[in-house]
Amino acid sequence: MITETIEKPTTTTTDRLLDIAEVMAMVRISRTQIFNLVKVGRFPATVRILDGDDRRIRKSFWRLSDVQSWITDLQLKPKTQKK
């Protein structure tokens, strides 16, 4: 799975971090499908937040701008016609 690890989230009012529930609501696909798409490189990589002392991963997030770009890219791609 492709991931990016950061210790302190850097967010602004225009680019915040989304949790899995927010991502699922935006893209209307299941948690399993999202993580499968991340794994094969067809969905934005997660940003993982680490616990300070023990460095364990606490939760995965996505940048709002990355998810919005992914949605825009899908809308711009021409649909393939089935024969």
PDB file of N, CA and C in Angstrom:
ATOM      1  N   MET A   1       0.842  -1.165   0.000  1.00  0.00           N
ATOM      2  CA  MET A   1       0.000   0.000   0.000  1.00  0.00           C
ATOM      3  C   MET A   1       0.891   1.233   0.000  1.00  0.00           C
ATOM      4  N   ILE A   2       0.560   2.205  -0.823  1.00  0.00           N
ATOM      5  CA  ILE A   2       1.326   3.436  -0.901  1.00  0.00           C
ATOM      6  C   ILE A   2       0.831   4.380   0.186  1.00  0.00           C
ATOM      7  N   THR A   3       1.754   4.833   1.012  1.00  0.00           N
ATOM      8  CA  THR A   3       1.374   5.745   2.083  1.00  0.00           C
ATOM      9  C   THR A   3       2.436   6.800   2.267  1.00  0.00           C
ATOM     10  N   GLU A   4       2.044   7.876   2.893  1.00  0.00           N
ATOM     11  CA  GLU A   4       2.975   8.923   3.276  1.00  0.00           C
ATOM     12  C   GLU A   4       2.791   9.104   4.775  1.00  0.00           C
ATOM     13  N   THR A   5       3.870   9.130   5.505  1.00  0.00           N
ATOM     14  CA  THR A   5       3.788   9.255   6.956  1.00  0.00           C
ATOM     15  C   THR A   5       4.265  10.631   7.376  1.00  0.00           C
ATOM     16  N   ILE A   6       3.448  11.303   8.185  1.00  0.00           N
ATOM     17  CA  ILE A   6       3.846  12.586   8.746  1.00  0.00           C
ATOM     18  C   ILE A   6       3.615  12.548  10.242  1.00  0.00           C
ATOM     19  N   GLU A   7       4.406  13.296  10.972  1.00  0.00           N
ATOM     20  CA  GLU A   7       4.251  13.293  12.426  1.00  0.00           C
ATOM     21  C   GLU A   7       3.256  14.336  12.892  1.00  0.00           C
ATOM     22  N   LYS A   8       3.273  15.505  12.275  1.00  0.00           N
ATOM     23  CA  LYS A   8       2.339  16.563  12.636  1.00  0.00           C
ATOM     24  C   LYS A   8       1.571  16.956  11.393  1.00  0.00           C
ATOM     25  N   PRO A   9       0.246  16.850  11.423  1.00  0.00           N
ATOM     26  CA  PRO A   9      -0.510  17.213  10.231  1.00  0.00           C
ATOM     27  C   PRO A   9      -0.388  18.707   9.953  1.00  0.00           C
ATOM     28  N   THR A  10      -0.132  19.019   8.699  1.00  0.00           N
ATOM     29  CA  THR A  10      -0.084  20.418   8.295  1.00  0.00           C
ATOM     30  C   THR A  10      -1.298  20.683   7.427  1.00  0.00           C
ATOM     31  N   THR A  11      -2.240  21.419   7.960  1.00  0.00           N
ATOM     32  CA  THR A  11      -3.460  21.675   7.223  1.00  0.00           C
ATOM     33  C   THR A  11      -3.729  23.167   7.183  1.00  0.00           C
ATOM     34  N   THR A  12      -4.487  23.550   6.199  1.00  0.00           N
ATOM     35  CA  THR A  12      -4.958  24.921   6.105  1.00  0.00           C
ATOM     36  C   THR A  12      -6.459  24.858   5.946  1.00  0.00           C
ATOM     37  N   THR A  13      -7.080  26.001   5.847  1.00  0.00           N
ATOM     38  CA  THR A  13      -8.532  25.995   5.687  1.00  0.00           C
ATOM     39  C   THR A  13      -8.943  25.422   4.349  1.00  0.00           C
ATOM     40  N   THR A  14      -8.057  25.459   3.346  1.00  0.00           N
ATOM     41  CA  THR A  14      -8.411  24.934   2.035  1.00  0.00           C
ATOM     42  C   THR A  14      -7.988  23.488   1.833  1.00  0.00           C
ATOM     43  N   ASP A  15      -7.063  22.984   2.619  1.00  0.00           N
ATOM     44  CA  ASP A  15      -6.624  21.604   2.470  1.00  0.00           C
ATOM     45  C   ASP A  15      -6.545  20.952   3.843  1.00  0.00           C
ATOM     46  N   ARG A  16      -7.576  20.227   4.171  1.00  0.00           N
ATOM     47  CA  ARG A  16      -7.600  19.570   5.466  1.00  0.00           C
ATOM     48  C   ARG A  16      -7.531  18.068   5.272  1.00  0.00           C
ATOM     49  N   LEU A  17      -7.389  17.352   6.365  1.00  0.00           N
ATOM     50  CA  LEU A  17      -7.319  15.897   6.300  1.00  0.00           C
ATOM     51  C   LEU A  17      -8.703  15.300   6.510  1.00  0.00           C
ATOM     52  N   LEU A  18      -9.007  14.282   5.712  1.00  0.00           N
ATOM     53  CA  LEU A  18     -10.291  13.584   5.781  1.00  0.00           C
ATOM     54  C   LEU A  18     -10.080  12.189   6.342  1.00  0.00           C
ATOM     55  N   ASP A  19     -11.004  11.739   7.179  1.00  0.00           N
ATOM     56  CA  ASP A  19     -10.924  10.353   7.637  1.00  0.00           C
ATOM     57  C   ASP A  19     -11.685   9.469   6.649  1.00  0.00           C
ATOM     58  N   ILE A  20     -11.665   8.176   6.881  1.00  0.00           N
ATOM     59  CA  ILE A  20     -12.257   7.228   5.929  1.00  0.00           C
ATOM     60  C   ILE A  20     -13.755   7.473   5.738  1.00  0.00           C
ATOM     61  N   ALA A  21     -14.468   7.820   6.788  1.00  0.00           N
ATOM     62  CA  ALA A  21     -15.913   8.059   6.667  1.00  0.00           C
ATOM     63  C   ALA A  21     -16.194   9.248   5.740  1.00  0.00           C
ATOM     64  N   GLU A  22     -15.383  10.299   5.870  1.00  0.00           N
ATOM     65  CA  GLU A  22     -15.572  11.471   5.014  1.00  0.00           C
ATOM     66  C   GLU A  22     -15.231  11.155   3.555  1.00  0.00           C
ATOM     67  N   VAL A  23     -14.179  10.367   3.357  1.00  0.00           N
ATOM     68  CA  VAL A  23     -13.796   9.978   1.998  1.00  0.00           C
ATOM     69  C   VAL A  23     -14.893   9.116   1.369  1.00  0.00           C
ATOM     70  N   MET A  24     -15.402   8.158   2.138  1.00  0.00           N
ATOM     71  CA  MET A  24     -16.473   7.296   1.621  1.00  0.00           C
ATOM     72  C   MET A  24     -17.698   8.119   1.226  1.00  0.00           C
ATOM     73  N   ALA A  25     -18.030   9.121   2.009  1.00  0.00           N
ATOM     74  CA  ALA A  25     -19.179   9.971   1.699  1.00  0.00           C
ATOM     75  C   ALA A  25     -18.940  10.786   0.431  1.00  0.00           C
ATOM     76  N   MET A  26     -17.711  11.228   0.219  1.00  0.00           N
ATOM     77  CA  MET A  26     -17.399  12.027  -0.964  1.00  0.00           C
ATOM     78  C   MET A  26     -17.407  11.217  -2.250  1.00  0.00           C
ATOM     79  N   VAL A  27     -16.809  10.027  -2.214  1.00  0.00           N
ATOM     80  CA  VAL A  27     -16.619   9.256  -3.446  1.00  0.00           C
ATOM     81  C   VAL A  27     -17.660   8.158  -3.642  1.00  0.00           C
ATOM     82  N   ARG A  28     -18.439   7.906  -2.631  1.00  0.00           N
ATOM     83  CA  ARG A  28     -19.528   6.917  -2.705  1.00  0.00           C
ATOM     84  C   ARG A  28     -19.062   5.519  -3.093  1.00  0.00           C
ATOM     85  N   ILE A  29     -17.913   5.123  -2.533  1.00  0.00           N
ATOM     86  CA  ILE A  29     -17.478   3.737  -2.673  1.00  0.00           C
ATOM     87  C   ILE A  29     -17.086   3.219  -1.296  1.00  0.00           C
ATOM     88  N   SER A  30     -17.043   1.908  -1.161  1.00  0.00           N
ATOM     89  CA  SER A  30     -16.838   1.300   0.155  1.00  0.00           C
ATOM     90  C   SER A  30     -15.399   1.449   0.643  1.00  0.00           C
ATOM     91  N   ARG A  31     -15.248   1.246   1.924  1.00  0.00           N
ATOM     92  CA  ARG A  31     -13.933   1.287   2.571  1.00  0.00           C
ATOM     93  C   ARG A  31     -12.978   0.296   1.905  1.00  0.00           C
ATOM     94  N   THR A  32     -13.453  -0.914   1.683  1.00  0.00           N
ATOM     95  CA  THR A  32     -12.631  -1.952   1.068  1.00  0.00           C
ATOM     96  C   THR A  32     -12.187  -1.531  -0.329  1.00  0.00           C
ATOM     97  N   GLN A  33     -13.107  -0.991  -1.116  1.00  0.00           N
ATOM     98  CA  GLN A  33     -12.760  -0.551  -2.469  1.00  0.00           C
ATOM     99  C   GLN A  33     -11.733   0.576  -2.435  1.00  0.00           C
ATOM    100  N   ILE A  34     -11.897   1.509  -1.504  1.00  0.00           N
ATOM    101  CA  ILE A  34     -10.947   2.620  -1.389  1.00  0.00           C
ATOM    102  C   ILE A  34      -9.547   2.083  -1.101  1.00  0.00           C
ATOM    103  N   PHE A  35      -9.414   1.216  -0.094  1.00  0.00           N
ATOM    104  CA  PHE A  35      -8.096   0.701   0.258  1.00  0.00           C
ATOM    105  C   PHE A  35      -7.518  -0.179  -0.849  1.00  0.00           C
ATOM    106  N   ASN A  36      -8.375  -0.903  -1.583  1.00  0.00           N
ATOM    107  CA  ASN A  36      -7.883  -1.683  -2.725  1.00  0.00           C
ATOM    108  C   ASN A  36      -7.359  -0.765  -3.829  1.00  0.00           C
ATOM    109  N   LEU A  37      -8.054   0.343  -4.079  1.00  0.00           N
ATOM    110  CA  LEU A  37      -7.597   1.297  -5.090  1.00  0.00           C
ATOM    111  C   LEU A  37      -6.297   1.971  -4.667  1.00  0.00           C
ATOM    112  N   VAL A  38      -6.157   2.270  -3.379  1.00  0.00           N
ATOM    113  CA  VAL A  38      -4.901   2.839  -2.873  1.00  0.00           C
ATOM    114  C   VAL A  38      -3.768   1.840  -3.110  1.00  0.00           C
ATOM    115  N   LYS A  39      -4.033   0.590  -2.809  1.00  0.00           N
ATOM    116  CA  LYS A  39      -3.020  -0.459  -2.922  1.00  0.00           C
ATOM    117  C   LYS A  39      -2.474  -0.591  -4.340  1.00  0.00           C
ATOM    118  N   VAL A  40      -3.346  -0.427  -5.334  1.00  0.00           N
ATOM    119  CA  VAL A  40      -2.911  -0.567  -6.733  1.00  0.00           C
ATOM    120  C   VAL A  40      -2.549   0.775  -7.366  1.00  0.00           C
ATOM    121  N   GLY A  41      -2.563   1.844  -6.567  1.00  0.00           N
ATOM    122  CA  GLY A  41      -2.145   3.145  -7.067  1.00  0.00           C
ATOM    123  C   GLY A  41      -3.178   3.907  -7.874  1.00  0.00           C
ATOM    124  N   ARG A  42      -4.452   3.561  -7.716  1.00  0.00           N
ATOM    125  CA  ARG A  42      -5.511   4.230  -8.477  1.00  0.00           C
ATOM    126  C   ARG A  42      -6.345   5.178  -7.628  1.00  0.00           C
ATOM    127  N   PHE A  43      -5.919   5.417  -6.390  1.00  0.00           N
ATOM    128  CA  PHE A  43      -6.569   6.353  -5.482  1.00  0.00           C
ATOM    129  C   PHE A  43      -5.463   7.027  -4.680  1.00  0.00           C
ATOM    130  N   PRO A  44      -5.663   8.270  -4.253  1.00  0.00           N
ATOM    131  CA  PRO A  44      -4.601   8.974  -3.523  1.00  0.00           C
ATOM    132  C   PRO A  44      -4.098   8.193  -2.308  1.00  0.00           C
ATOM    133  N   ALA A  45      -2.812   8.312  -2.068  1.00  0.00           N
ATOM    134  CA  ALA A  45      -2.185   7.645  -0.929  1.00  0.00           C
ATOM    135  C   ALA A  45      -2.672   8.256   0.377  1.00  0.00           C
ATOM    136  N   THR A  46      -2.630   7.455   1.415  1.00  0.00           N
ATOM    137  CA  THR A  46      -3.028   7.932   2.734  1.00  0.00           C
ATOM    138  C   THR A  46      -1.913   8.734   3.384  1.00  0.00           C
ATOM    139  N   VAL A  47      -2.316   9.574   4.307  1.00  0.00           N
ATOM    140  CA  VAL A  47      -1.397  10.284   5.188  1.00  0.00           C
ATOM    141  C   VAL A  47      -1.632   9.669   6.552  1.00  0.00           C
ATOM    142  N   ARG A  48      -0.600   9.059   7.114  1.00  0.00           N
ATOM    143  CA  ARG A  48      -0.778   8.347   8.381  1.00  0.00           C
ATOM    144  C   ARG A  48      -0.228   9.178   9.520  1.00  0.00           C
ATOM    145  N   ILE A  49      -0.996   9.281  10.581  1.00  0.00           N
ATOM    146  CA  ILE A  49      -0.609  10.047  11.755  1.00  0.00           C
ATOM    147  C   ILE A  49       0.000   9.084  12.777  1.00  0.00           C
ATOM    148  N   LEU A  50       1.202   9.412  13.241  1.00  0.00           N
ATOM    149  CA  LEU A  50       1.894   8.558  14.207  1.00  0.00           C
ATOM    150  C   LEU A  50       1.724   9.084  15.615  1.00  0.00           C
ATOM    151  N   ASP A  51       1.665   8.158  16.561  1.00  0.00           N
ATOM    152  CA  ASP A  51       1.685   8.517  17.969  1.00  0.00           C
ATOM    153  C   ASP A  51       3.111   8.940  18.295  1.00  0.00           C
ATOM    154  N   GLY A  52       3.272  10.017  19.034  1.00  0.00           N
ATOM    155  CA  GLY A  52       4.578  10.609  19.293  1.00  0.00           C
ATOM    156  C   GLY A  52       5.621   9.687  19.882  1.00  0.00           C
ATOM    157  N   ASP A  53       5.326   8.995  20.976  1.00  0.00           N
ATOM    158  CA  ASP A  53       6.343   8.227  21.676  1.00  0.00           C
ATOM    159  C   ASP A  53       6.568   6.841  21.097  1.00  0.00           C
ATOM    160  N   ASP A  54       5.500   6.096  20.884  1.00  0.00           N
ATOM    161  CA  ASP A  54       5.699   4.716  20.446  1.00  0.00           C
ATOM    162  C   ASP A  54       5.677   4.565  18.929  1.00  0.00           C
ATOM    163  N   ARG A  55       5.415   5.661  18.191  1.00  0.00           N
ATOM    164  CA  ARG A  55       5.496   5.707  16.733  1.00  0.00           C
ATOM    165  C   ARG A  55       4.553   4.720  16.041  1.00  0.00           C
ATOM    166  N   ARG A  56       3.510   4.315  16.729  1.00  0.00           N
ATOM    167  CA  ARG A  56       2.528   3.442  16.099  1.00  0.00           C
ATOM    168  C   ARG A  56       1.562   4.284  15.286  1.00  0.00           C
ATOM    169  N   ILE A  57       1.087   3.719  14.216  1.00  0.00           N
ATOM    170  CA  ILE A  57       0.129   4.413  13.374  1.00  0.00           C
ATOM    171  C   ILE A  57      -1.216   4.432  14.089  1.00  0.00           C
ATOM    172  N   ARG A  58      -1.789   5.615  14.194  1.00  0.00           N
ATOM    173  CA  ARG A  58      -3.057   5.761  14.894  1.00  0.00           C
ATOM    174  C   ARG A  58      -4.249   5.809  13.946  1.00  0.00           C
ATOM    175  N   LYS A  59      -4.089   6.447  12.798  1.00  0.00           N
ATOM    176  CA  LYS A  59      -5.214   6.582  11.892  1.00  0.00           C
ATOM    177  C   LYS A  59      -4.717   7.035  10.535  1.00  0.00           C
ATOM    178  N   SER A  60      -5.434   6.643   9.490  1.00  0.00           N
ATOM    179  CA  SER A  60      -5.095   7.074   8.139  1.00  0.00           C
ATOM    180  C   SER A  60      -6.033   8.173   7.702  1.00  0.00           C
ATOM    181  N   PHE A  61      -5.486   9.122   6.977  1.00  0.00           N
ATOM    182  CA  PHE A  61      -6.254  10.249   6.459  1.00  0.00           C
ATOM    183  C   PHE A  61      -5.894  10.480   5.001  1.00  0.00           C
ATOM    184  N   TRP A  62      -6.710  11.270   4.332  1.00  0.00           N
ATOM    185  CA  TRP A  62      -6.442  11.706   2.973  1.00  0.00           C
ATOM    186  C   TRP A  62      -6.518  13.222   2.938  1.00  0.00           C
ATOM    187  N   ARG A  63      -5.696  13.828   2.100  1.00  0.00           N
ATOM    188  CA  ARG A  63      -5.792  15.274   1.900  1.00  0.00           C
ATOM    189  C   ARG A  63      -7.026  15.562   1.059  1.00  0.00           C
ATOM    190  N   LEU A  64      -7.802  16.540   1.477  1.00  0.00           N
ATOM    191  CA  LEU A  64      -8.997  16.939   0.741  1.00  0.00           C
ATOM    192  C   LEU A  64      -8.648  17.260  -0.709  1.00  0.00           C
ATOM    193  N   SER A  65      -7.569  17.991  -0.926  1.00  0.00           N
ATOM    194  CA  SER A  65      -7.187  18.375  -2.291  1.00  0.00           C
ATOM    195  C   SER A  65      -6.872  17.156  -3.155  1.00  0.00           C
ATOM    196  N   ASP A  66      -6.268  16.106  -2.572  1.00  0.00           N
ATOM    197  CA  ASP A  66      -5.964  14.889  -3.333  1.00  0.00           C
ATOM    198  C   ASP A  66      -7.239  14.172  -3.763  1.00  0.00           C
ATOM    199  N   VAL A  67      -8.200  14.083  -2.857  1.00  0.00           N
ATOM    200  CA  VAL A  67      -9.462  13.411  -3.174  1.00  0.00           C
ATOM    201  C   VAL A  67     -10.240  14.223  -4.213  1.00  0.00           C
ATOM    202  N   GLN A  68     -10.262  15.536  -4.061  1.00  0.00           N
ATOM    203  CA  GLN A  68     -10.946  16.387  -5.035  1.00  0.00           C
ATOM    204  C   GLN A  68     -10.305  16.273  -6.414  1.00  0.00           C
ATOM    205  N   SER A  69      -8.981  16.209  -6.470  1.00  0.00           N
ATOM    206  CA  SER A  69      -8.282  16.046  -7.753  1.00  0.00           C
ATOM    207  C   SER A  69      -8.622  14.705  -8.389  1.00  0.00           C
ATOM    208  N   TRP A  70      -8.696  13.664  -7.581  1.00  0.00           N
ATOM    209  CA  TRP A  70      -9.042  12.333  -8.077  1.00  0.00           C
ATOM    210  C   TRP A  70     -10.437  12.351  -8.692  1.00  0.00           C
ATOM    211  N   ILE A  71     -11.380  12.997  -8.013  1.00  0.00           N
ATOM    212  CA  ILE A  71     -12.749  13.097  -8.523  1.00  0.00           C
ATOM    213  C   ILE A  71     -12.758  13.879  -9.837  1.00  0.00           C
ATOM    214  N   THR A  72     -12.048  14.988  -9.885  1.00  0.00           N
ATOM    215  CA  THR A  72     -11.978  15.803 -11.099  1.00  0.00           C
ATOM    216  C   THR A  72     -11.377  15.006 -12.252  1.00  0.00           C
ATOM    217  N   ASP A  73     -10.309  14.264 -11.979  1.00  0.00           N
ATOM    218  CA  ASP A  73      -9.682  13.441 -13.018  1.00  0.00           C
ATOM    219  C   ASP A  73     -10.648  12.399 -13.563  1.00  0.00           C
ATOM    220  N   LEU A  74     -11.452  11.819 -12.712  1.00  0.00           N
ATOM    221  CA  LEU A  74     -12.450  10.835 -13.168  1.00  0.00           C
ATOM    222  C   LEU A  74     -13.477  11.483 -14.082  1.00  0.00           C
ATOM    223  N   GLN A  75     -13.881  12.696 -13.737  1.00  0.00           N
ATOM    224  CA  GLN A  75     -14.886  13.399 -14.527  1.00  0.00           C
ATOM    225  C   GLN A  75     -14.338  13.818 -15.883  1.00  0.00           C
ATOM    226  N   LEU A  76     -13.032  14.046 -15.984  1.00  0.00           N
ATOM    227  CA  LEU A  76     -12.429  14.491 -17.239  1.00  0.00           C
ATOM    228  C   LEU A  76     -12.102  13.363 -18.180  1.00  0.00           C
ATOM    229  N   LYS A  77     -11.982  12.133 -17.660  1.00  0.00           N
ATOM    230  CA  LYS A  77     -11.656  10.999 -18.504  1.00  0.00           C
ATOM    231  C   LYS A  77     -12.854  10.638 -19.380  1.00  0.00           C
ATOM    232  N   PRO A  78     -12.596  10.396 -20.664  1.00  0.00           N
ATOM    233  CA  PRO A  78     -13.707   9.980 -21.534  1.00  0.00           C
ATOM    234  C   PRO A  78     -14.181   8.583 -21.158  1.00  0.00           C
ATOM    235  N   LYS A  79     -15.472   8.390 -21.224  1.00  0.00           N
ATOM    236  CA  LYS A  79     -16.029   7.079 -20.908  1.00  0.00           C
ATOM    237  C   LYS A  79     -15.795   6.139 -22.085  1.00  0.00           C
ATOM    238  N   THR A  80     -15.413   4.907 -21.769  1.00  0.00           N
ATOM    239  CA  THR A  80     -15.196   3.924 -22.833  1.00  0.00           C
ATOM    240  C   THR A  80     -16.533   3.295 -23.186  1.00  0.00           C
ATOM    241  N   GLN A  81     -16.701   3.047 -24.441  1.00  0.00           N
ATOM    242  CA  GLN A  81     -17.950   2.461 -24.909  1.00  0.00           C
ATOM    243  C   GLN A  81     -17.794   0.947 -24.984  1.00  0.00           C
ATOM    244  N   LYS A  82     -18.816   0.257 -24.507  1.00  0.00           N
ATOM    245  CA  LYS A  82     -18.810  -1.208 -24.582  1.00  0.00           C
ATOM    246  C   LYS A  82     -19.408  -1.623 -25.909  1.00  0.00           C
ATOM    247  N   LYS A  83     -18.822  -2.662 -26.487  1.00  0.00           N
ATOM    248  CA  LYS A  83     -19.342  -3.180 -27.781  1.00  0.00           C
ATOM    249  C   LYS A  83     -20.012  -4.495 -27.563  1.00  0.00           C
TER     250      LYS A  83
END
